[in-house]
């Protein structure tokens, strides 16, 4: 009876450790082949046969679909340029120029990894929809409060992240993901 209890306890402990470590890696682990550009992070194995089990699990849980890096490069920001977590209680200024891609977009996602519901029905800004300054760069305010000009709505009191997508990226981006030019994310104010 002691042997059964011992081995039963070991099995339960093993399952608990395995599930706990998997959860930790999915939530906080490094991306396969991870690169950073300011607050933006990416991996090179999304949508490829080379993706490890944790990358595949992340795509299944949070990405819903991922294309190979020759088709699309994905960069995700969970913090601003200063390293503070993105919060719906703050207003952010996202500023940049066109990405090195045929087409691009930046989308905000809620804590559940889905689009953030809003009355304005605005969920992203893109190469073809963003209004530009005279010199060609853009400024987008990301906020729960309506903003003039380019505005990406949030929900107050909720954390969020943003995903930048490079569709048909320039070969230089695929070859050197850390060299990509991505927009800055500066906290303007908080309530």
Foldseek 3Di string as FASTA:
>chain_A
DVVCVVVVVVVVVVVVVVVVVLVCCLVPNAAACWADAQQKIFHQCWQHPPGDPSSVVNCVQQVVHTHHVQFKTKIKGQAANVRHGAAQQFKKKWKDADWQAPKKKKFKAFPRNHFADDPVPATIAIPVRADADPVHMGIEMEHCDDDPGHYHHHDHPTTMMMMMMGGNGDVVCSVPVNPITGIHIGTDGGD
